[in-house]
Amino acid sequence: MEKLEGVGCRDNLTKLMGDSKIQSYRDLKVWQEAVNLAEICYRFTKNFQ
């Protein structure tokens, strides 16, 4: 079985981010996608009672 390496691994994160520096959690792609998902959920459910 092949060992899978997660994004949490520092080497993998460096490869993904390149030379860019994270200034805030808002710079993380996962954060941006989570906010997009939350906005979609709010729009979809705003008329539920």
Protein backbone atom coordinates (compact mmCIF):
# COMPACT_ATOMS: atom_id res chain seq x y z
CA MET A 1 0.00 0.00 0.00
CA GLU A 2 1.34 3.41 -0.99
CA LYS A 3 1.89 5.94 1.78
CA LEU A 4 -0.13 9.11 1.23
CA GLU A 5 1.30 12.39 2.37
CA GLY A 6 -1.14 15.06 3.52
CA VAL A 7 -1.10 18.75 2.79
CA GLY A 8 -0.19 19.26 6.44
CA CYS A 9 3.32 18.10 5.63
CA ARG A 10 5.62 21.14 5.57
CA ASP A 11 7.38 20.03 2.37
CA ASN A 12 4.09 19.59 0.52
CA LEU A 13 2.81 22.94 1.75
CA THR A 14 5.99 24.63 0.56
CA LYS A 15 5.55 23.06 -2.86
CA LEU A 16 1.94 24.25 -3.02
CA MET A 17 2.64 27.78 -1.82
CA GLY A 18 5.95 28.35 -3.58
CA ASP A 19 7.72 31.45 -2.32
CA SER A 20 4.53 33.25 -1.27
CA LYS A 21 4.10 34.01 2.40
CA ILE A 22 0.85 33.52 4.26
CA GLN A 23 -0.01 36.76 6.01
CA SER A 24 -3.38 35.63 7.34
CA TYR A 25 -5.60 32.56 7.52
CA ARG A 26 -7.65 34.34 4.85
CA ASP A 27 -4.81 33.73 2.38
CA LEU A 28 -5.43 29.99 2.59
CA LYS A 29 -7.36 28.55 -0.37
CA VAL A 30 -9.27 26.23 1.97
CA TRP A 31 -10.48 29.26 3.95
CA GLN A 32 -11.61 31.04 0.78
CA GLU A 33 -13.49 27.96 -0.43
CA ALA A 34 -15.14 27.50 2.98
CA VAL A 35 -16.39 31.10 2.90
CA ASN A 36 -17.77 30.54 -0.61
CA LEU A 37 -19.57 27.40 0.56
CA ALA A 38 -21.02 29.21 3.59
CA GLU A 39 -22.32 32.03 1.37
CA ILE A 40 -23.99 29.51 -0.96
CA CYS A 41 -25.59 27.74 2.02
CA TYR A 42 -26.89 31.02 3.45
CA ARG A 43 -28.38 32.04 0.10
CA PHE A 44 -29.95 28.62 -0.39
CA THR A 45 -31.51 28.49 3.09
CA LYS A 46 -32.45 32.15 3.67
CA ASN A 47 -36.14 31.49 2.90
CA PHE A 48 -36.45 28.36 5.06
CA GLN A 49 -38.66 28.73 8.09
